[in-house]
Amino acid sequence: PLRRVRMSADAMLRALLGSKHKVCMDLRANLKQVKKEDTEKEKDLRD
C-alpha cells in the first residue's frame, strides 16, 4: 500500500542523489522570456 508523502522535487532529488544534487528544480526560473510581436494577422483581426 502506497502512502502519500509531501516532498518537493528538490528534496526528492536530494534524497535520491545525496550530495551530488546541484540542479535546482525551480522550473519557472528556467523558462525563456519571449516578447510578443505584433504580426500582420493580429492587426488584421483587430482592424
ModelCIF file with pLDDT and N, C-alpha, C, O atoms, coordinates in Angstrom:
data_MODEL
#
_entry.id   MODEL 
#
_entity.id                         1 
_entity.type                       polymer 
_entity.pdbx_number_of_molecules   1 
#
_entity_poly.entity_id                      1 
_entity_poly.type                           'polypeptide(L)' 
_entity_poly.nstd_linkage                   no 
_entity_poly.nstd_monomer                   no 
_entity_poly.pdbx_seq_one_letter_code       PLRRVRMSADAMLRALLGSKHKVCMDLRANLKQVKKEDTEKEKDLRD 
_entity_poly.pdbx_seq_one_letter_code_can   PLRRVRMSADAMLRALLGSKHKVCMDLRANLKQVKKEDTEKEKDLRD 
_entity_poly.pdbx_strand_id                 A 
#
loop_
_entity_poly_seq.entity_id 
_entity_poly_seq.num 
_entity_poly_seq.mon_id 
_entity_poly_seq.hetero 
1 1  PRO n 
1 2  LEU n 
1 3  ARG n 
1 4  ARG n 
1 5  VAL n 
1 6  ARG n 
1 7  MET n 
1 8  SER n 
1 9  ALA n 
1 10 ASP n 
1 11 ALA n 
1 12 MET n 
1 13 LEU n 
1 14 ARG n 
1 15 ALA n 
1 16 LEU n 
1 17 LEU n 
1 18 GLY n 
1 19 SER n 
1 20 LYS n 
1 21 HIS n 
1 22 LYS n 
1 23 VAL n 
1 24 CYS n 
1 25 MET n 
1 26 ASP n 
1 27 LEU n 
1 28 ARG n 
1 29 ALA n 
1 30 ASN n 
1 31 LEU n 
1 32 LYS n 
1 33 GLN n 
1 34 VAL n 
1 35 LYS n 
1 36 LYS n 
1 37 GLU n 
1 38 ASP n 
1 39 THR n 
1 40 GLU n 
1 41 LYS n 
1 42 GLU n 
1 43 LYS n 
1 44 ASP n 
1 45 LEU n 
1 46 ARG n 
1 47 ASP n 
#
_struct_asym.id          A 
_struct_asym.entity_id   1 
#
loop_
_ma_qa_metric.id 
_ma_qa_metric.mode 
_ma_qa_metric.name 
_ma_qa_metric.software_group_id 
_ma_qa_metric.type 
1 global pLDDT . pLDDT 
2 local  pLDDT . pLDDT 
#
_ma_qa_metric_global.metric_id      1 
_ma_qa_metric_global.metric_value   66.36 
_ma_qa_metric_global.model_id       1 
_ma_qa_metric_global.ordinal_id     1 
#
loop_
_ma_qa_metric_local.label_asym_id 
_ma_qa_metric_local.label_comp_id 
_ma_qa_metric_local.label_seq_id 
_ma_qa_metric_local.metric_id 
_ma_qa_metric_local.metric_value 
_ma_qa_metric_local.model_id 
_ma_qa_metric_local.ordinal_id 
A PRO 1  2 76.00 1 1  
A LEU 2  2 75.00 1 2  
A ARG 3  2 76.00 1 3  
A ARG 4  2 76.00 1 4  
A VAL 5  2 74.00 1 5  
A ARG 6  2 77.00 1 6  
A MET 7  2 74.00 1 7  
A SER 8  2 75.00 1 8  
A ALA 9  2 72.00 1 9  
A ASP 10 2 73.00 1 10 
A ALA 11 2 77.00 1 11 
A MET 12 2 76.00 1 12 
A LEU 13 2 75.00 1 13 
A ARG 14 2 76.00 1 14 
A ALA 15 2 75.00 1 15 
A LEU 16 2 76.00 1 16 
A LEU 17 2 75.00 1 17 
A GLY 18 2 71.00 1 18 
A SER 19 2 66.00 1 19 
A LYS 20 2 61.00 1 20 
A HIS 21 2 53.00 1 21 
A LYS 22 2 60.00 1 22 
A VAL 23 2 59.00 1 23 
A CYS 24 2 59.00 1 24 
A MET 25 2 58.00 1 25 
A ASP 26 2 61.00 1 26 
A LEU 27 2 61.00 1 27 
A ARG 28 2 65.00 1 28 
A ALA 29 2 65.00 1 29 
A ASN 30 2 64.00 1 30 
A LEU 31 2 67.00 1 31 
A LYS 32 2 69.00 1 32 
A GLN 33 2 70.00 1 33 
A VAL 34 2 67.00 1 34 
A LYS 35 2 63.00 1 35 
A LYS 36 2 63.00 1 36 
A GLU 37 2 60.00 1 37 
A ASP 38 2 56.00 1 38 
A THR 39 2 58.00 1 39 
A GLU 40 2 58.00 1 40 
A LYS 41 2 57.00 1 41 
A GLU 42 2 60.00 1 42 
A LYS 43 2 59.00 1 43 
A ASP 44 2 59.00 1 44 
A LEU 45 2 59.00 1 45 
A ARG 46 2 57.00 1 46 
A ASP 47 2 56.00 1 47 
#
loop_
_atom_site.group_PDB 
_atom_site.id 
_atom_site.type_symbol 
_atom_site.label_atom_id 
_atom_site.label_alt_id 
_atom_site.label_comp_id 
_atom_site.label_asym_id 
_atom_site.label_entity_id 
_atom_site.label_seq_id 
_atom_site.pdbx_PDB_ins_code 
_atom_site.Cartn_x 
_atom_site.Cartn_y 
_atom_site.Cartn_z 
_atom_site.occupancy 
_atom_site.B_iso_or_equiv 
_atom_site.pdbx_formal_charge 
_atom_site.auth_seq_id 
_atom_site.auth_comp_id 
_atom_site.auth_asym_id 
_atom_site.auth_atom_id 
_atom_site.pdbx_PDB_model_num 
ATOM 1   N N  . PRO A 1 1  ? 0.849   -1.201 0.000   1.00 76.00 ? 1  PRO A N  1 
ATOM 2   C CA . PRO A 1 1  ? 0.000   0.000  0.000   1.00 76.00 ? 1  PRO A CA 1 
ATOM 3   C C  . PRO A 1 1  ? 0.880   1.245  0.000   1.00 76.00 ? 1  PRO A C  1 
ATOM 4   O O  . PRO A 1 1  ? 1.825   1.358  0.780   1.00 76.00 ? 1  PRO A O  1 
ATOM 5   N N  . LEU A 1 2  ? 0.550   2.169  -0.886  1.00 75.00 ? 2  LEU A N  1 
ATOM 6   C CA . LEU A 1 2  ? 1.370   3.360  -1.034  1.00 75.00 ? 2  LEU A CA 1 
ATOM 7   C C  . LEU A 1 2  ? 0.849   4.453  -0.110  1.00 75.00 ? 2  LEU A C  1 
ATOM 8   O O  . LEU A 1 2  ? -0.357  4.639  0.052   1.00 75.00 ? 2  LEU A O  1 
ATOM 9   N N  . ARG A 1 3  ? 1.791   5.166  0.486   1.00 76.00 ? 3  ARG A N  1 
ATOM 10  C CA . ARG A 1 3  ? 1.423   6.289  1.336   1.00 76.00 ? 3  ARG A CA 1 
ATOM 11  C C  . ARG A 1 3  ? 1.796   7.576  0.617   1.00 76.00 ? 3  ARG A C  1 
ATOM 12  O O  . ARG A 1 3  ? 2.796   7.631  -0.098  1.00 76.00 ? 3  ARG A O  1 
ATOM 13  N N  . ARG A 1 4  ? 0.988   8.606  0.810   1.00 76.00 ? 4  ARG A N  1 
ATOM 14  C CA . ARG A 1 4  ? 1.254   9.883  0.173   1.00 76.00 ? 4  ARG A CA 1 
ATOM 15  C C  . ARG A 1 4  ? 2.307   10.619 0.997   1.00 76.00 ? 4  ARG A C  1 
ATOM 16  O O  . ARG A 1 4  ? 2.156   10.797 2.205   1.00 76.00 ? 4  ARG A O  1 
ATOM 17  N N  . VAL A 1 5  ? 3.367   11.037 0.329   1.00 74.00 ? 5  VAL A N  1 
ATOM 18  C CA . VAL A 1 5  ? 4.447   11.748 1.000   1.00 74.00 ? 5  VAL A CA 1 
ATOM 19  C C  . VAL A 1 5  ? 4.557   13.127 0.370   1.00 74.00 ? 5  VAL A C  1 
ATOM 20  O O  . VAL A 1 5  ? 4.668   13.254 -0.850  1.00 74.00 ? 5  VAL A O  1 
ATOM 21  N N  . ARG A 1 6  ? 4.527   14.145 1.194   1.00 77.00 ? 6  ARG A N  1 
ATOM 22  C CA . ARG A 1 6  ? 4.688   15.510 0.666   1.00 77.00 ? 6  ARG A CA 1 
ATOM 23  C C  . ARG A 1 6  ? 6.165   15.824 0.634   1.00 77.00 ? 6  ARG A C  1 
ATOM 24  O O  . ARG A 1 6  ? 6.814   15.952 1.672   1.00 77.00 ? 6  ARG A O  1 
ATOM 25  N N  . MET A 1 7  ? 6.686   15.946 -0.573  1.00 74.00 ? 7  MET A N  1 
ATOM 26  C CA . MET A 1 7  ? 8.109   16.223 -0.732  1.00 74.00 ? 7  MET A CA 1 
ATOM 27  C C  . MET A 1 7  ? 8.280   17.012 -2.019  1.00 74.00 ? 7  MET A C  1 
ATOM 28  O O  . MET A 1 7  ? 7.685   16.682 -3.045  1.00 74.00 ? 7  MET A O  1 
ATOM 29  N N  . SER A 1 8  ? 9.076   18.028 -1.960  1.00 75.00 ? 8  SER A N  1 
ATOM 30  C CA . SER A 1 8  ? 9.311   18.821 -3.163  1.00 75.00 ? 8  SER A CA 1 
ATOM 31  C C  . SER A 1 8  ? 10.253  18.063 -4.086  1.00 75.00 ? 8  SER A C  1 
ATOM 32  O O  . SER A 1 8  ? 10.879  17.081 -3.690  1.00 75.00 ? 8  SER A O  1 
ATOM 33  N N  . ALA A 1 9  ? 10.340  18.538 -5.325  1.00 72.00 ? 9  ALA A N  1 
ATOM 34  C CA . ALA A 1 9  ? 11.218  17.886 -6.295  1.00 72.00 ? 9  ALA A CA 1 
ATOM 35  C C  . ALA A 1 9  ? 12.666  18.006 -5.858  1.00 72.00 ? 9  ALA A C  1 
ATOM 36  O O  . ALA A 1 9  ? 13.445  17.071 -6.039  1.00 72.00 ? 9  ALA A O  1 
ATOM 37  N N  . ASP A 1 10 ? 13.041  19.157 -5.279  1.00 73.00 ? 10 ASP A N  1 
ATOM 38  C CA . ASP A 1 10 ? 14.424  19.329 -4.803  1.00 73.00 ? 10 ASP A CA 1 
ATOM 39  C C  . ASP A 1 10 ? 14.730  18.344 -3.679  1.00 73.00 ? 10 ASP A C  1 
ATOM 40  O O  . ASP A 1 10 ? 15.794  17.726 -3.665  1.00 73.00 ? 10 ASP A O  1 
ATOM 41  N N  . ALA A 1 11 ? 13.808  18.200 -2.748  1.00 77.00 ? 11 ALA A N  1 
ATOM 42  C CA . ALA A 1 11 ? 14.034  17.269 -1.634  1.00 77.00 ? 11 ALA A CA 1 
ATOM 43  C C  . ALA A 1 11 ? 14.110  15.837 -2.140  1.00 77.00 ? 11 ALA A C  1 
ATOM 44  O O  . ALA A 1 11 ? 14.885  15.032 -1.623  1.00 77.00 ? 11 ALA A O  1 
ATOM 45  N N  . MET A 1 12 ? 13.310  15.518 -3.148  1.00 76.00 ? 12 MET A N  1 
ATOM 46  C CA . MET A 1 12 ? 13.340  14.172 -3.703  1.00 76.00 ? 12 MET A CA 1 
ATOM 47  C C  . MET A 1 12 ? 14.684  13.891 -4.381  1.00 76.00 ? 12 MET A C  1 
ATOM 48  O O  . MET A 1 12 ? 15.269  12.822 -4.199  1.00 76.00 ? 12 MET A O  1 
ATOM 49  N N  . LEU A 1 13 ? 15.167  14.861 -5.162  1.00 75.00 ? 13 LEU A N  1 
ATOM 50  C CA . LEU A 1 13 ? 16.468  14.692 -5.812  1.00 75.00 ? 13 LEU A CA 1 
ATOM 51  C C  . LEU A 1 13 ? 17.580  14.597 -4.777  1.00 75.00 ? 13 LEU A C  1 
ATOM 52  O O  . LEU A 1 13 ? 18.514  13.811 -4.936  1.00 75.00 ? 13 LEU A O  1 
ATOM 53  N N  . ARG A 1 14 ? 17.480  15.394 -3.720  1.00 76.00 ? 14 ARG A N  1 
ATOM 54  C CA . ARG A 1 14 ? 18.496  15.321 -2.658  1.00 76.00 ? 14 ARG A CA 1 
ATOM 55  C C  . ARG A 1 14 ? 18.479  13.953 -2.004  1.00 76.00 ? 14 ARG A C  1 
ATOM 56  O O  . ARG A 1 14 ? 19.534  13.407 -1.678  1.00 76.00 ? 14 ARG A O  1 
ATOM 57  N N  . ALA A 1 15 ? 17.286  13.391 -1.807  1.00 75.00 ? 15 ALA A N  1 
ATOM 58  C CA . ALA A 1 15 ? 17.183  12.080 -1.181  1.00 75.00 ? 15 ALA A CA 1 
ATOM 59  C C  . ALA A 1 15 ? 17.740  10.993 -2.095  1.00 75.00 ? 15 ALA A C  1 
ATOM 60  O O  . ALA A 1 15 ? 18.376  10.048 -1.628  1.00 75.00 ? 15 ALA A O  1 
ATOM 61  N N  . LEU A 1 16 ? 17.497  11.131 -3.405  1.00 76.00 ? 16 LEU A N  1 
ATOM 62  C CA . LEU A 1 16 ? 17.967  10.112 -4.340  1.00 76.00 ? 16 LEU A CA 1 
ATOM 63  C C  . LEU A 1 16 ? 19.457  10.232 -4.634  1.00 76.00 ? 16 LEU A C  1 
ATOM 64  O O  . LEU A 1 16 ? 20.181  9.236  -4.635  1.00 76.00 ? 16 LEU A O  1 
ATOM 65  N N  . LEU A 1 17 ? 19.905  11.454 -4.883  1.00 75.00 ? 17 LEU A N  1 
ATOM 66  C CA . LEU A 1 17 ? 21.282  11.649 -5.333  1.00 75.00 ? 17 LEU A CA 1 
ATOM 67  C C  . LEU A 1 17 ? 22.245  11.984 -4.198  1.00 75.00 ? 17 LEU A C  1 
ATOM 68  O O  . LEU A 1 17 ? 23.458  11.855 -4.358  1.00 75.00 ? 17 LEU A O  1 
ATOM 69  N N  . GLY A 1 18 ? 21.729  12.399 -3.088  1.00 71.00 ? 18 GLY A N  1 
ATOM 70  C CA . GLY A 1 18 ? 22.590  12.714 -1.958  1.00 71.00 ? 18 GLY A CA 1 
ATOM 71  C C  . GLY A 1 18 ? 23.331  14.012 -2.184  1.00 71.00 ? 18 GLY A C  1 
ATOM 72  O O  . GLY A 1 18 ? 22.725  15.014 -2.565  1.00 71.00 ? 18 GLY A O  1 
ATOM 73  N N  . SER A 1 19 ? 24.642  14.012 -1.953  1.00 66.00 ? 19 SER A N  1 
ATOM 74  C CA . SER A 1 19 ? 25.432  15.248 -2.040  1.00 66.00 ? 19 SER A CA 1 
ATOM 75  C C  . SER A 1 19 ? 25.671  15.672 -3.489  1.00 66.00 ? 19 SER A C  1 
ATOM 76  O O  . SER A 1 19 ? 26.103  16.800 -3.729  1.00 66.00 ? 19 SER A O  1 
ATOM 77  N N  . LYS A 1 20 ? 25.401  14.796 -4.458  1.00 61.00 ? 20 LYS A N  1 
ATOM 78  C CA . LYS A 1 20 ? 25.629  15.128 -5.864  1.00 61.00 ? 20 LYS A CA 1 
ATOM 79  C C  . LYS A 1 20 ? 24.595  16.127 -6.388  1.00 61.00 ? 20 LYS A C  1 
ATOM 80  O O  . LYS A 1 20 ? 24.788  16.720 -7.450  1.00 61.00 ? 20 LYS A O  1 
ATOM 81  N N  . HIS A 1 21 ? 23.509  16.313 -5.654  1.00 53.00 ? 21 HIS A N  1 
ATOM 82  C CA . HIS A 1 21 ? 22.398  17.148 -6.116  1.00 53.00 ? 21 HIS A CA 1 
ATOM 83  C C  . HIS A 1 21 ? 22.819  18.614 -6.159  1.00 53.00 ? 21 HIS A C  1 
ATOM 84  O O  . HIS A 1 21 ? 23.085  19.228 -5.125  1.00 53.00 ? 21 HIS A O  1 
ATOM 85  N N  . LYS A 1 22 ? 22.874  19.163 -7.369  1.00 60.00 ? 22 LYS A N  1 
ATOM 86  C CA . LYS A 1 22 ? 23.185  20.578 -7.536  1.00 60.00 ? 22 LYS A CA 1 
ATOM 87  C C  . LYS A 1 22 ? 22.191  21.256 -8.469  1.00 60.00 ? 22 LYS A C  1 
ATOM 88  O O  . LYS A 1 22 ? 22.239  22.472 -8.655  1.00 60.00 ? 22 LYS A O  1 
ATOM 89  N N  . VAL A 1 23 ? 21.294  20.476 -9.055  1.00 59.00 ? 23 VAL A N  1 
ATOM 90  C CA . VAL A 1 23 ? 20.338  21.012 -10.010 1.00 59.00 ? 23 VAL A CA 1 
ATOM 91  C C  . VAL A 1 23 ? 19.167  21.604 -9.239  1.00 59.00 ? 23 VAL A C  1 
ATOM 92  O O  . VAL A 1 23 ? 18.656  20.990 -8.302  1.00 59.00 ? 23 VAL A O  1 
ATOM 93  N N  . CYS A 1 24 ? 18.756  22.770 -9.627  1.00 59.00 ? 24 CYS A N  1 
ATOM 94  C CA . CYS A 1 24 ? 17.618  23.422 -8.988  1.00 59.00 ? 24 CYS A CA 1 
ATOM 95  C C  . CYS A 1 24 ? 16.377  23.116 -9.816  1.00 59.00 ? 24 CYS A C  1 
ATOM 96  O O  . CYS A 1 24 ? 16.389  23.241 -11.041 1.00 59.00 ? 24 CYS A O  1 
ATOM 97  N N  . MET A 1 25 ? 15.323  22.720 -9.145  1.00 58.00 ? 25 MET A N  1 
ATOM 98  C CA . MET A 1 25 ? 14.116  22.333 -9.869  1.00 58.00 ? 25 MET A CA 1 
ATOM 99  C C  . MET A 1 25 ? 13.101  23.471 -9.948  1.00 58.00 ? 25 MET A C  1 
ATOM 100 O O  . MET A 1 25 ? 11.909  23.218 -10.126 1.00 58.00 ? 25 MET A O  1 
ATOM 101 N N  . ASP A 1 26 ? 13.551  24.720 -9.820  1.00 61.00 ? 26 ASP A N  1 
ATOM 102 C CA . ASP A 1 26 ? 12.637  25.843 -9.983  1.00 61.00 ? 26 ASP A CA 1 
ATOM 103 C C  . ASP A 1 26 ? 12.381  26.001 -11.480 1.00 61.00 ? 26 ASP A C  1 
ATOM 104 O O  . ASP A 1 26 ? 13.165  26.630 -12.191 1.00 61.00 ? 26 ASP A O  1 
ATOM 105 N N  . LEU A 1 27 ? 11.288  25.430 -11.943 1.00 61.00 ? 27 LEU A N  1 
ATOM 106 C CA . LEU A 1 27 ? 11.032  25.366 -13.384 1.00 61.00 ? 27 LEU A CA 1 
ATOM 107 C C  . LEU A 1 27 ? 10.746  26.734 -13.979 1.00 61.00 ? 27 LEU A C  1 
ATOM 108 O O  . LEU A 1 27 ? 11.081  26.976 -15.139 1.00 61.00 ? 27 LEU A O  1 
ATOM 109 N N  . ARG A 1 28 ? 10.143  27.626 -13.226 1.00 65.00 ? 28 ARG A N  1 
ATOM 110 C CA . ARG A 1 28 ? 9.808   28.932 -13.778 1.00 65.00 ? 28 ARG A CA 1 
ATOM 111 C C  . ARG A 1 28 ? 11.058  29.759 -14.035 1.00 65.00 ? 28 ARG A C  1 
ATOM 112 O O  . ARG A 1 28 ? 11.075  30.599 -14.934 1.00 65.00 ? 28 ARG A O  1 
ATOM 113 N N  . ALA A 1 29 ? 12.108  29.525 -13.248 1.00 65.00 ? 29 ALA A N  1 
ATOM 114 C CA . ALA A 1 29 ? 13.346  30.286 -13.440 1.00 65.00 ? 29 ALA A CA 1 
ATOM 115 C C  . ALA A 1 29 ? 14.030  29.884 -14.740 1.00 65.00 ? 29 ALA A C  1 
ATOM 116 O O  . ALA A 1 29 ? 14.749  30.686 -15.337 1.00 65.00 ? 29 ALA A O  1 
ATOM 117 N N  . ASN A 1 30 ? 13.815  28.658 -15.178 1.00 64.00 ? 30 ASN A N  1 
ATOM 118 C CA . ASN A 1 30 ? 14.499  28.163 -16.377 1.00 64.00 ? 30 ASN A CA 1 
ATOM 119 C C  . ASN A 1 30 ? 13.764  28.522 -17.671 1.00 64.00 ? 30 ASN A C  1 
ATOM 120 O O  . ASN A 1 30 ? 14.275  28.273 -18.763 1.00 64.00 ? 30 ASN A O  1 
ATOM 121 N N  . LEU A 1 31 ? 12.574  29.104 -17.554 1.00 67.00 ? 31 LEU A N  1 
ATOM 122 C CA . LEU A 1 31 ? 11.827  29.443 -18.764 1.00 67.00 ? 31 LEU A CA 1 
ATOM 123 C C  . LEU A 1 31 ? 12.416  30.671 -19.440 1.00 67.00 ? 31 LEU A C  1 
ATOM 124 O O  . LEU A 1 31 ? 12.915  31.586 -18.785 1.00 67.00 ? 31 LEU A O  1 
ATOM 125 N N  . LYS A 1 32 ? 12.345  30.669 -20.778 1.00 69.00 ? 32 LYS A N  1 
ATOM 126 C CA . LYS A 1 32 ? 12.852  31.823 -21.531 1.00 69.00 ? 32 LYS A CA 1 
ATOM 127 C C  . LYS A 1 32 ? 11.790  32.919 -21.551 1.00 69.00 ? 32 LYS A C  1 
ATOM 128 O O  . LYS A 1 32 ? 10.588  32.654 -21.525 1.00 69.00 ? 32 LYS A O  1 
ATOM 129 N N  . GLN A 1 33 ? 12.276  34.156 -21.599 1.00 70.00 ? 33 GLN A N  1 
ATOM 130 C CA . GLN A 1 33 ? 11.357  35.280 -21.729 1.00 70.00 ? 33 GLN A CA 1 
ATOM 131 C C  . GLN A 1 33 ? 11.110  35.513 -23.215 1.00 70.00 ? 33 GLN A C  1 
ATOM 132 O O  . GLN A 1 33 ? 12.056  35.630 -23.994 1.00 70.00 ? 33 GLN A O  1 
ATOM 133 N N  . VAL A 1 34 ? 9.865   35.579 -23.598 1.00 67.00 ? 34 VAL A N  1 
ATOM 134 C CA . VAL A 1 34 ? 9.518   35.754 -25.004 1.00 67.00 ? 34 VAL A CA 1 
ATOM 135 C C  . VAL A 1 34 ? 8.733   37.042 -25.128 1.00 67.00 ? 34 VAL A C  1 
ATOM 136 O O  . VAL A 1 34 ? 7.745   37.251 -24.424 1.00 67.00 ? 34 VAL A O  1 
ATOM 137 N N  . LYS A 1 35 ? 9.185   37.916 -26.041 1.00 63.00 ? 35 LYS A N  1 
ATOM 138 C CA . LYS A 1 35 ? 8.459   39.156 -26.304 1.00 63.00 ? 35 LYS A CA 1 
ATOM 139 C C  . LYS A 1 35 ? 7.419   38.892 -27.371 1.00 63.00 ? 35 LYS A C  1 
ATOM 140 O O  . LYS A 1 35 ? 7.681   38.226 -28.373 1.00 63.00 ? 35 LYS A O  1 
ATOM 141 N N  . LYS A 1 36 ? 6.254   39.418 -27.140 1.00 63.00 ? 36 LYS A N  1 
ATOM 142 C CA . LYS A 1 36 ? 5.174   39.193 -28.083 1.00 63.00 ? 36 LYS A CA 1 
ATOM 143 C C  . LYS A 1 36 ? 5.244   40.264 -29.169 1.00 63.00 ? 36 LYS A C  1 
ATOM 144 O O  . LYS A 1 36 ? 5.178   41.460 -28.883 1.00 63.00 ? 36 LYS A O  1 
ATOM 145 N N  . GLU A 1 37 ? 5.379   39.820 -30.410 1.00 60.00 ? 37 GLU A N  1 
ATOM 146 C CA . GLU A 1 37 ? 5.462   40.742 -31.528 1.00 60.00 ? 37 GLU A CA 1 
ATOM 147 C C  . GLU A 1 37 ? 4.126   40.762 -32.247 1.00 60.00 ? 37 GLU A C  1 
ATOM 148 O O  . GLU A 1 37 ? 3.454   39.740 -32.385 1.00 60.00 ? 37 GLU A O  1 
ATOM 149 N N  . ASP A 1 38 ? 3.759   41.958 -32.703 1.00 56.00 ? 38 ASP A N  1 
ATOM 150 C CA . ASP A 1 38 ? 2.509   42.078 -33.440 1.00 56.00 ? 38 ASP A CA 1 
ATOM 151 C C  . ASP A 1 38 ? 2.725   41.587 -34.862 1.00 56.00 ? 38 ASP A C  1 
ATOM 152 O O  . ASP A 1 38 ? 3.609   42.066 -35.572 1.00 56.00 ? 38 ASP A O  1 
ATOM 153 N N  . THR A 1 39 ? 1.932   40.659 -35.253 1.00 58.00 ? 39 THR A N  1 
ATOM 154 C CA . THR A 1 39 ? 2.016   40.163 -36.620 1.00 58.00 ? 39 THR A CA 1 
ATOM 155 C C  . THR A 1 39 ? 0.896   40.795 -37.433 1.00 58.00 ? 39 THR A C  1 
ATOM 156 O O  . THR A 1 39 ? -0.030  41.394 -36.886 1.00 58.00 ? 39 THR A O  1 
ATOM 157 N N  . GLU A 1 40 ? 0.998   40.650 -38.728 1.00 58.00 ? 40 GLU A N  1 
ATOM 158 C CA . GLU A 1 40 ? 0.007   41.267 -39.616 1.00 58.00 ? 40 GLU A CA 1 
ATOM 159 C C  . GLU A 1 40 ? -1.379  40.661 -39.417 1.00 58.00 ? 40 GLU A C  1 
ATOM 160 O O  . GLU A 1 40 ? -2.391  41.358 -39.490 1.00 58.00 ? 40 GLU A O  1 
ATOM 161 N N  . LYS A 1 41 ? -1.408  39.364 -39.168 1.00 57.00 ? 41 LYS A N  1 
ATOM 162 C CA . LYS A 1 41 ? -2.713  38.711 -38.985 1.00 57.00 ? 41 LYS A CA 1 
ATOM 163 C C  . LYS A 1 41 ? -3.427  39.265 -37.767 1.00 57.00 ? 41 LYS A C  1 
ATOM 164 O O  . LYS A 1 41 ? -4.632  39.513 -37.797 1.00 57.00 ? 41 LYS A O  1 
ATOM 165 N N  . GLU A 1 42 ? -2.672  39.455 -36.694 1.00 60.00 ? 42 GLU A N  1 
ATOM 166 C CA . GLU A 1 42 ? -3.297  40.001 -35.490 1.00 60.00 ? 42 GLU A CA 1 
ATOM 167 C C  . GLU A 1 42 ? -3.808  41.421 -35.741 1.00 60.00 ? 42 GLU A C  1 
ATOM 168 O O  . GLU A 1 42 ? -4.868  41.807 -35.249 1.00 60.00 ? 42 GLU A O  1 
ATOM 169 N N  . LYS A 1 43 ? -3.050  42.180 -36.503 1.00 59.00 ? 43 LYS A N  1 
ATOM 170 C CA . LYS A 1 43 ? -3.502  43.546 -36.833 1.00 59.00 ? 43 LYS A CA 1 
ATOM 171 C C  . LYS A 1 43 ? -4.774  43.496 -37.655 1.00 59.00 ? 43 LYS A C  1 
ATOM 172 O O  . LYS A 1 43 ? -5.713  44.255 -37.416 1.00 59.00 ? 43 LYS A O  1 
ATOM 173 N N  . ASP A 1 44 ? -4.797  42.581 -38.642 1.00 59.00 ? 44 ASP A N  1 
ATOM 174 C CA . ASP A 1 44 ? -5.989  42.444 -39.475 1.00 59.00 ? 44 ASP A CA 1 
ATOM 175 C C  . ASP A 1 44 ? -7.194  42.060 -38.634 1.00 59.00 ? 44 ASP A C  1 
ATOM 176 O O  . ASP A 1 44 ? -8.297  42.565 -38.846 1.00 59.00 ? 44 ASP A O  1 
ATOM 177 N N  . LEU A 1 45 ? -6.980  41.176 -37.690 1.00 59.00 ? 45 LEU A N  1 
ATOM 178 C CA . LEU A 1 45 ? -8.084  40.747 -36.849 1.00 59.00 ? 45 LEU A CA 1 
ATOM 179 C C  . LEU A 1 45 ? -8.595  41.896 -35.991 1.00 59.00 ? 45 LEU A C  1 
ATOM 180 O O  . LEU A 1 45 ? -9.797  42.031 -35.764 1.00 59.00 ? 45 LEU A O  1 
ATOM 181 N N  . ARG A 1 46 ? -7.672  42.717 -35.521 1.00 57.00 ? 46 ARG A N  1 
ATOM 182 C CA . ARG A 1 46 ? -8.097  43.862 -34.709 1.00 57.00 ? 46 ARG A CA 1 
ATOM 183 C C  . ARG A 1 46 ? -8.828  44.884 -35.565 1.00 57.00 ? 46 ARG A C  1 
ATOM 184 O O  . ARG A 1 46 ? -9.780  45.513 -35.104 1.00 57.00 ? 46 ARG A O  1 
ATOM 185 N N  . ASP A 1 47 ? -8.384  45.056 -36.826 1.00 56.00 ? 47 ASP A N  1 
ATOM 186 C CA . ASP A 1 47 ? -9.000  46.037 -37.709 1.00 56.00 ? 47 ASP A CA 1 
ATOM 187 C C  . ASP A 1 47 ? -10.397 45.617 -38.145 1.00 56.00 ? 47 ASP A C  1 
ATOM 188 O O  . ASP A 1 47 ? -11.053 46.339 -38.895 1.00 56.00 ? 47 ASP A O  1 
#
